[in-house]
Each structure stands twice: as C-alpha cells, then as structure tokens.
C-alpha cells in the first residue's frame, strides 16, 4: 500500500492559502499533490495536457473558481471574469479554447436581476472569446453563505502543435516579455469595495488572451518557451514559480515594467508593490533571444498589445531567484508573495 507523504503542517486554512503565493504553493505541494500525485500534476501548470487517440492531438484541460467581491467593478464583473479567466488558462497552455462548463453557487436572497446581469455578462464574454458554454450546474445555499454568487468553471482547448510550453524549455539568455501594464485589476477591485478613501480612474484589465497567443505562435512559435498570466500573486509570484521550476535566475529591468500612474500611486499610499498585484488581462512570455524582437513586434501590432515590453532576461545564476535591477544599477530580490494583501480579487 502506498504511503502518502503529507508535508503540510499548518493547523488550519487561512485566506493566505488562496492568495497564489507561498502559502498556496505550500498547501498544494504539501497536501493536495501527495494524495493526487500522477504524471499530469508534475509541472503544476494552469492547465493539464491530455493526449487524444486521434493522431496524438493534445487537449488542454483546466478548472477555476471565482469569488470576487464586489461582484461588479469598473471594467468587468464576476461573470465576465469567469469566462476570461478560464479561456486564459487554456491560452497559456498554447491551446485555442473550445468549450466551457460552469457551476453557479447562488446565495438565497440574491436579486434575480443581479443573476441575470452576470449570466448576460458570461454570454457576452464567451462570444468575444469565441467559445461556447456547453453545460454546468446550479446550486443554492443559505443566506450569508456565498457572498451572493460564486462561479466555478472548467474548460477544454486544442493545443497548437507548433509549440510545447514548459518551464523545462527555458534557458539562460531567453527574454522575458510582458504584454502590458500590471496591477490594474487588483487595484480596481480593491478601490471598488469602497473601504478606502481613494479614487482613481482605473478599470480592470480582464480580457481574453488567446488572440495575443495566436499572434505569438504565428510569428515566433519556434522560440516560444513558456507563458503565464500573472493573476493571484502578480508578476513576482509567476516569475518566482518559473525560476524555481526551471532552476534559473530571472533578472528584471524594473524601469521597463509598465505600471499606470494611478496604480503606482495607489500602491505607494497603501504600502503595496505593483509586482504582487493581480492581473486578469496580461501575460508573460519567455522567448528565445533570436525570436524576441519578432515576438514583441507582433504583440505590439495586435490591438490591445501596443504597450508590450521586454522586461528582463533569464540567467543561469543565482539559481531559483528573481532579481529586479534599478536604473541606478542596484539589485533587489523579488520573493514570492507572502500573506494575502488583496483577498477576494478573482
């Protein structure tokens, strides 16, 4: 009989375990993976690959849950977020989204008009993403048990055979490309709660990312190594996961990372670092050096990708470390997110 080696020793679950940082990784690696371990879980990507019997074609399969508060915020809502977040996990696996299913958990007392608004938002987002919602389930729980509405999704997509995306492919010299400004979603949702006396002209960046990925594949497939949308835990956590999985160093040019003035200002007032703030419509790409310029030009030609930037490089040492280099030549270590600075943002 197999002995399960559980390494998770935290006595209870805290909000930080769902924030996408160190605590989340500790929970997944220490408790979930030991019991569920199989060869599909080894890389812990946002989507798993399943090989079909038809000429070796690969499907990408993903699942996600959305518990954002408030349900509606500038630039989006939980319904739109649920669709975009799911198709984006597929896109980050190099897969064109094919179909989604969703489970809706409703709190007794939710106004029918609010539910209708979110179902309509899901429908419109699915149309924009070019994907169909083909099934699902609905449950109702007691008043006070669900903050109005929770949505869980699952999706499948067909991978493009021209790319094989994995941290194992990343090598020193590869370039780090970011699709656009960071932090918009997390700060927008935080301000939408109305708990802080701050105002800013900001909207969530939620959007489907497959059009950008399709453009990258067409332009630079042989050089495309790895993709990730930096949602919970932000850019810093996504790149820490990469540096750990690929056993490399990620060296960032901090001045090259695009951050809107409103996001930067809010972070300074609140004592937050934009590198850890969640995004829902941006992604990171690791591209071999000979394809980096081609990939960047292709992104910038795509509507919505005009602000894409090359923000760093993969180096051999120091292994499993992310460094940010300032304009003055100094370096600071960018660790994985600790704690839960922005709960309930996706």
Protein backbone atom coordinates (compact mmCIF):
# COMPACT_ATOMS: atom_id res chain seq x y z
CA UNK A 1 0.00 0.00 0.00
CA UNK A 2 1.34 3.44 -0.94
CA UNK A 3 2.26 5.71 1.95
CA UNK A 4 1.21 9.30 1.35
CA UNK A 5 3.88 11.78 2.47
CA UNK A 6 1.96 14.88 3.55
CA UNK A 7 4.27 17.82 4.32
CA UNK A 8 1.62 20.45 5.04
CA UNK A 9 1.72 21.28 8.75
CA UNK A 10 -0.38 24.46 9.03
CA UNK A 11 -3.08 23.79 11.66
CA UNK A 12 -5.87 25.49 9.71
CA UNK A 13 -6.66 27.11 6.37
CA UNK A 14 -6.25 30.88 6.15
CA UNK A 15 -7.05 33.41 3.42
CA UNK A 16 -3.36 33.45 2.50
CA UNK A 17 -3.65 29.85 1.31
CA UNK A 18 -5.78 31.11 -1.58
CA UNK A 19 -3.69 34.16 -2.49
CA UNK A 20 -1.43 32.41 -5.00
CA UNK A 21 1.82 32.94 -3.07
CA UNK A 22 3.98 30.91 -0.71
CA UNK A 23 1.08 29.67 1.39
CA UNK A 24 -0.84 28.49 -1.69
CA UNK A 25 2.18 26.64 -3.00
CA UNK A 26 2.74 25.06 0.42
CA UNK A 27 -0.86 23.83 0.53
CA UNK A 28 -0.80 22.43 -3.00
CA UNK A 29 2.60 20.77 -2.84
CA UNK A 30 2.34 19.65 0.77
CA UNK A 31 -1.23 18.33 0.96
CA UNK A 32 -3.04 18.11 -2.39
CA UNK A 33 -0.31 16.73 -4.66
CA UNK A 34 0.82 13.94 -2.29
CA UNK A 35 -2.66 12.41 -2.34
CA UNK A 36 -3.47 13.10 -6.01
CA UNK A 37 0.01 12.63 -7.47
CA UNK A 38 0.24 11.47 -11.10
CA UNK A 39 2.29 12.37 -14.17
CA UNK A 40 -0.14 15.11 -15.20
CA UNK A 41 0.44 17.05 -11.95
CA UNK A 42 4.23 17.20 -12.12
CA UNK A 43 4.53 20.68 -13.67
CA UNK A 44 1.59 22.27 -11.81
CA UNK A 45 0.56 24.47 -14.72
CA UNK A 46 -2.77 26.30 -15.01
CA UNK A 47 -3.92 23.65 -17.50
CA UNK A 48 -3.13 19.96 -17.90
CA UNK A 49 -2.46 18.23 -21.21
CA UNK A 50 -4.39 15.13 -22.26
CA UNK A 51 -3.35 13.22 -25.38
CA UNK A 52 -6.25 12.04 -27.52
CA UNK A 53 -6.29 8.88 -29.62
CA UNK A 54 -6.64 10.92 -32.77
CA UNK A 55 -3.17 11.28 -34.27
CA UNK A 56 -1.64 12.27 -30.96
CA UNK A 57 -3.53 15.56 -30.69
CA UNK A 58 -3.33 17.17 -27.27
CA UNK A 59 -6.19 18.76 -25.39
CA UNK A 60 -5.62 21.26 -22.61
CA UNK A 61 -7.97 20.93 -19.65
CA UNK A 62 -8.43 23.45 -16.83
CA UNK A 63 -10.73 24.41 -13.96
CA UNK A 64 -11.09 27.61 -11.95
CA UNK A 65 -13.27 29.26 -9.30
CA UNK A 66 -14.27 32.90 -8.92
CA UNK A 67 -15.23 34.51 -5.62
CA UNK A 68 -14.55 38.18 -6.34
CA UNK A 69 -16.01 40.88 -4.11
CA UNK A 70 -17.74 43.11 -5.18
CA UNK A 71 -19.49 41.17 -7.93
CA UNK A 72 -19.27 44.12 -10.31
CA UNK A 73 -16.36 46.55 -10.63
CA UNK A 74 -15.10 49.10 -13.17
CA UNK A 75 -14.28 47.28 -16.38
CA UNK A 76 -15.87 43.95 -15.53
CA UNK A 77 -17.78 41.64 -13.21
CA UNK A 78 -17.61 38.13 -11.83
CA UNK A 79 -19.43 36.68 -14.85
CA UNK A 80 -17.05 38.18 -17.39
CA UNK A 81 -14.08 37.31 -15.18
CA UNK A 82 -15.13 33.65 -15.01
CA UNK A 83 -15.12 33.29 -18.79
CA UNK A 84 -11.92 35.24 -19.41
CA UNK A 85 -10.02 33.62 -16.57
CA UNK A 86 -10.80 30.14 -17.85
CA UNK A 87 -10.04 30.72 -21.51
CA UNK A 88 -6.82 32.48 -20.48
CA UNK A 89 -5.60 29.44 -18.56
CA UNK A 90 -6.11 27.45 -21.75
CA UNK A 91 -4.35 30.09 -23.83
CA UNK A 92 -1.35 29.97 -21.50
CA UNK A 93 -1.09 26.27 -22.41
CA UNK A 94 -0.94 27.21 -26.09
CA UNK A 95 -4.50 25.98 -26.61
CA UNK A 96 -7.36 27.53 -28.53
CA UNK A 97 -10.42 27.41 -26.23
CA UNK A 98 -13.13 25.02 -27.45
CA UNK A 99 -15.80 24.78 -24.75
CA UNK A 100 -16.57 25.62 -21.12
CA UNK A 101 -18.90 24.35 -18.42
CA UNK A 102 -19.77 26.30 -15.30
CA UNK A 103 -21.20 25.72 -11.85
CA UNK A 104 -23.06 28.61 -10.25
CA UNK A 105 -23.47 28.72 -6.47
CA UNK A 106 -26.20 31.17 -5.53
CA UNK A 107 -26.89 32.62 -2.11
CA UNK A 108 -30.53 32.68 -1.11
CA UNK A 109 -31.73 36.28 -1.30
CA UNK A 110 -29.67 37.24 -4.36
CA UNK A 111 -31.75 39.54 -6.57
CA UNK A 112 -32.81 37.88 -9.82
CA UNK A 113 -31.70 41.00 -11.69
CA UNK A 114 -28.14 40.54 -10.40
CA UNK A 115 -28.06 36.92 -11.53
CA UNK A 116 -29.44 37.85 -14.95
CA UNK A 117 -26.80 40.58 -15.28
CA UNK A 118 -23.99 38.09 -14.64
CA UNK A 119 -25.38 35.41 -16.94
CA UNK A 120 -25.60 38.05 -19.66
CA UNK A 121 -22.02 39.11 -18.89
CA UNK A 122 -20.90 35.50 -19.25
CA UNK A 123 -22.72 35.16 -22.55
CA UNK A 124 -21.16 38.31 -23.98
CA UNK A 125 -17.68 37.41 -22.74
CA UNK A 126 -17.97 33.93 -24.26
CA UNK A 127 -18.95 35.43 -27.61
CA UNK A 128 -15.96 37.77 -27.52
CA UNK A 129 -13.67 34.87 -26.64
CA UNK A 130 -15.11 32.68 -29.40
CA UNK A 131 -16.08 29.87 -27.03
CA UNK A 132 -19.36 28.19 -26.04
CA UNK A 133 -20.66 27.42 -22.57
CA UNK A 134 -21.98 23.89 -23.17
CA UNK A 135 -23.17 22.83 -19.72
CA UNK A 136 -22.95 23.27 -15.99
CA UNK A 137 -24.75 23.02 -12.67
CA UNK A 138 -26.58 25.34 -10.28
CA UNK A 139 -26.76 25.16 -6.50
CA UNK A 140 -28.39 27.44 -3.90
CA UNK A 141 -27.01 27.82 -0.37
CA UNK A 142 -28.37 29.55 2.71
CA UNK A 143 -28.34 33.29 3.07
CA UNK A 144 -24.94 34.52 4.28
CA UNK A 145 -23.01 31.52 2.92
CA UNK A 146 -21.81 32.68 -0.51
CA UNK A 147 -21.50 36.49 -0.75
CA UNK A 148 -24.19 36.49 -3.42
CA UNK A 149 -22.62 34.41 -6.14
CA UNK A 150 -19.68 32.06 -6.68
CA UNK A 151 -18.78 30.62 -10.10
CA UNK A 152 -16.69 27.54 -10.85
CA UNK A 153 -15.66 26.74 -14.42
CA UNK A 154 -13.93 24.04 -16.42
CA UNK A 155 -12.68 24.34 -19.98
CA UNK A 156 -11.03 22.40 -22.77
CA UNK A 157 -8.91 23.66 -25.63
CA UNK A 158 -6.95 22.24 -28.56
CA UNK A 159 -3.22 22.87 -28.35
CA UNK A 160 -1.26 24.21 -31.29
CA UNK A 161 1.26 21.52 -32.33
CA UNK A 162 3.85 24.16 -33.23
CA UNK A 163 4.58 24.92 -29.58
CA UNK A 164 5.47 22.91 -26.49
CA UNK A 165 5.30 25.23 -23.50
CA UNK A 166 7.13 24.24 -20.35
CA UNK A 167 9.49 25.67 -17.75
CA UNK A 168 11.80 22.79 -18.70
CA UNK A 169 12.45 24.51 -22.05
CA UNK A 170 13.66 27.78 -20.54
CA UNK A 171 17.39 28.52 -20.90
CA UNK A 172 19.81 31.32 -19.94
CA UNK A 173 19.63 34.11 -22.50
CA UNK A 174 15.89 33.76 -23.07
CA UNK A 175 13.98 37.03 -22.91
CA UNK A 176 11.05 37.98 -20.67
CA UNK A 177 8.20 39.78 -22.46
CA UNK A 178 5.19 41.35 -20.72
CA UNK A 179 2.02 42.09 -22.67
CA UNK A 180 1.10 45.37 -20.95
CA UNK A 181 0.69 47.37 -17.71
CA UNK A 182 0.40 45.44 -14.46
CA UNK A 183 -1.79 45.88 -11.39
CA UNK A 184 -4.94 47.31 -12.98
CA UNK A 185 -7.28 44.51 -11.89
CA UNK A 186 -6.20 44.12 -8.29
CA UNK A 187 -6.22 47.85 -7.52
CA UNK A 188 -9.52 48.39 -9.35
CA UNK A 189 -11.27 45.70 -7.30
CA UNK A 190 -9.70 46.96 -4.07
CA UNK A 191 -10.96 50.50 -4.68
CA UNK A 192 -14.38 49.26 -5.83
CA UNK A 193 -15.03 47.89 -2.34
CA UNK A 194 -15.37 51.47 -1.10
CA UNK A 195 -13.45 50.72 2.08
CA UNK A 196 -10.67 53.21 1.32
CA UNK A 197 -10.88 56.95 0.80
CA UNK A 198 -9.07 56.72 -2.52
CA UNK A 199 -10.28 57.40 -6.04
CA UNK A 200 -8.59 56.59 -9.33
CA UNK A 201 -9.56 56.41 -12.99
CA UNK A 202 -8.91 52.69 -13.36
CA UNK A 203 -10.60 49.69 -14.96
CA UNK A 204 -9.94 46.00 -14.62
CA UNK A 205 -7.81 44.63 -17.47
CA UNK A 206 -9.93 41.47 -17.81
CA UNK A 207 -9.98 40.24 -21.42
CA UNK A 208 -9.42 37.02 -23.41
CA UNK A 209 -5.75 36.42 -24.23
CA UNK A 210 -5.96 33.80 -26.98
CA UNK A 211 -5.76 36.40 -29.82
CA UNK A 212 -2.38 37.53 -28.47
CA UNK A 213 -1.13 33.99 -28.03
CA UNK A 214 -2.27 33.05 -31.53
CA UNK A 215 -0.32 36.03 -32.86
CA UNK A 216 2.80 34.98 -30.95
CA UNK A 217 2.55 31.42 -32.24
CA UNK A 218 2.24 32.59 -35.84
CA UNK A 219 5.20 34.95 -35.50
CA UNK A 220 7.59 33.15 -33.18
CA UNK A 221 6.48 29.56 -32.49
CA UNK A 222 10.00 28.02 -32.61
CA UNK A 223 11.20 30.47 -29.95
CA UNK A 224 8.18 30.44 -27.63
CA UNK A 225 9.12 28.60 -24.41
CA UNK A 226 6.66 29.43 -21.61
CA UNK A 227 3.52 31.51 -20.96
CA UNK A 228 1.78 32.55 -17.77
CA UNK A 229 -0.92 35.05 -16.83
CA UNK A 230 0.14 36.64 -13.51
CA UNK A 231 -3.17 36.57 -11.65
CA UNK A 232 -3.10 35.92 -7.88
CA UNK A 233 0.31 36.86 -6.53
CA UNK A 234 1.06 39.01 -9.56
CA UNK A 235 4.09 39.13 -11.80
CA UNK A 236 6.52 38.49 -8.94
CA UNK A 237 4.93 35.19 -7.93
CA UNK A 238 4.58 33.92 -11.51
CA UNK A 239 8.26 34.56 -12.21
CA UNK A 240 9.30 33.00 -8.89
CA UNK A 241 7.44 29.86 -9.89
CA UNK A 242 9.27 29.90 -13.22
CA UNK A 243 12.70 30.43 -11.64
CA UNK A 244 12.04 27.56 -9.25
CA UNK A 245 10.67 25.14 -11.84
CA UNK A 246 13.33 25.94 -14.46
CA UNK A 247 16.18 26.24 -11.92
CA UNK A 248 17.30 29.59 -13.35
CA UNK A 249 17.54 33.24 -12.36
CA UNK A 250 15.13 35.83 -13.72
CA UNK A 251 16.69 39.29 -13.91
CA UNK A 252 14.20 42.13 -14.45
CA UNK A 253 14.74 45.67 -15.63
CA UNK A 254 12.42 47.30 -13.12
CA UNK A 255 12.17 50.55 -15.08
CA UNK A 256 10.92 48.65 -18.15
CA UNK A 257 7.90 47.15 -16.34
CA UNK A 258 4.83 49.19 -17.35
CA UNK A 259 2.68 50.41 -14.45
CA UNK A 260 -0.02 53.06 -14.82
CA UNK A 261 0.48 56.17 -12.65
CA UNK A 262 -2.84 55.55 -10.86
CA UNK A 263 -1.78 52.02 -9.91
CA UNK A 264 1.65 53.14 -8.80
CA UNK A 265 0.17 55.99 -6.75
CA UNK A 266 -2.37 53.75 -5.02
CA UNK A 267 0.33 51.19 -4.23
CA UNK A 268 2.57 53.86 -2.72
CA UNK A 269 -0.24 55.12 -0.48
CA UNK A 270 -1.23 51.61 0.61
CA UNK A 271 2.29 50.27 1.01
CA UNK A 272 1.88 47.69 -1.76
CA UNK A 273 4.28 46.60 -4.51
CA UNK A 274 2.75 46.57 -8.03
CA UNK A 275 4.76 43.43 -8.81
CA UNK A 276 2.49 41.44 -6.46
CA UNK A 277 -0.86 42.87 -7.61
CA UNK A 278 -3.20 40.58 -9.57
CA UNK A 279 -3.83 40.95 -13.29
CA UNK A 280 -6.58 39.39 -15.39
CA UNK A 281 -5.69 40.51 -18.91
CA UNK A 282 -1.90 40.44 -19.14
CA UNK A 283 0.62 37.66 -19.61
CA UNK A 284 4.31 36.85 -19.51
CA UNK A 285 6.13 35.12 -22.33
CA UNK A 286 9.60 33.60 -22.32
CA UNK A 287 11.07 33.73 -25.81
CA UNK A 288 14.46 32.67 -27.14
CA UNK A 289 16.70 35.69 -27.92
CA UNK A 290 16.62 35.25 -31.70
CA UNK A 291 12.80 35.49 -31.70
CA UNK A 292 12.34 38.16 -29.02
CA UNK A 293 12.17 41.18 -31.36
CA UNK A 294 9.81 39.37 -33.73
CA UNK A 295 7.52 38.36 -30.87
CA UNK A 296 7.49 41.86 -29.39
CA UNK A 297 6.69 43.49 -32.74
CA UNK A 298 3.87 41.00 -33.35
CA UNK A 299 2.32 41.74 -29.96
CA UNK A 300 2.53 45.49 -30.47
CA UNK A 301 0.76 45.17 -33.83
CA UNK A 302 -2.13 43.34 -32.18
CA UNK A 303 -4.93 45.64 -30.92
CA UNK A 304 -4.52 45.89 -27.17
CA UNK A 305 -0.87 44.83 -27.23
CA UNK A 306 0.63 48.22 -28.01
CA UNK A 307 2.23 48.51 -24.55
CA UNK A 308 4.04 45.17 -24.62
CA UNK A 309 7.58 45.41 -23.29
CA UNK A 310 10.72 43.34 -22.96
CA UNK A 311 11.29 43.45 -19.19
CA UNK A 312 14.12 41.04 -18.42
CA UNK A 313 16.29 38.07 -19.18
CA UNK A 314 16.87 34.53 -17.98
CA UNK A 315 20.29 33.92 -16.44
CA UNK A 316 21.97 30.82 -15.08
CA UNK A 317 22.75 32.17 -11.60
CA UNK A 318 21.68 32.77 -8.88
CA UNK A 319 19.50 29.71 -9.32
CA UNK A 320 15.81 29.94 -8.32
CA UNK A 321 15.98 33.69 -7.68
CA UNK A 322 14.16 36.67 -9.21
CA UNK A 323 16.11 39.93 -9.19
CA UNK A 324 14.95 43.43 -10.12
CA UNK A 325 17.63 45.79 -11.38
CA UNK A 326 17.02 49.51 -10.82
CA UNK A 327 18.10 52.36 -13.09
CA UNK A 328 20.91 53.05 -10.62
CA UNK A 329 22.41 49.57 -11.07
CA UNK A 330 21.33 48.07 -7.75
CA UNK A 331 19.51 44.75 -7.44
CA UNK A 332 16.76 43.65 -5.09
CA UNK A 333 15.47 40.14 -4.58
CA UNK A 334 11.81 39.70 -5.58
CA UNK A 335 10.42 36.90 -3.43
CA UNK A 336 7.17 35.01 -3.88
CA UNK A 337 4.08 36.64 -2.34
CA UNK A 338 3.80 36.18 1.40
CA UNK A 339 0.44 36.68 3.12
CA UNK A 340 -2.74 37.96 1.48
CA UNK A 341 -2.63 41.71 0.78
CA UNK A 342 -5.69 41.71 -1.53
CA UNK A 343 -8.23 38.98 -0.66
CA UNK A 344 -11.12 38.09 -2.96
CA UNK A 345 -9.88 39.73 -6.18
CA UNK A 346 -10.67 36.85 -8.56
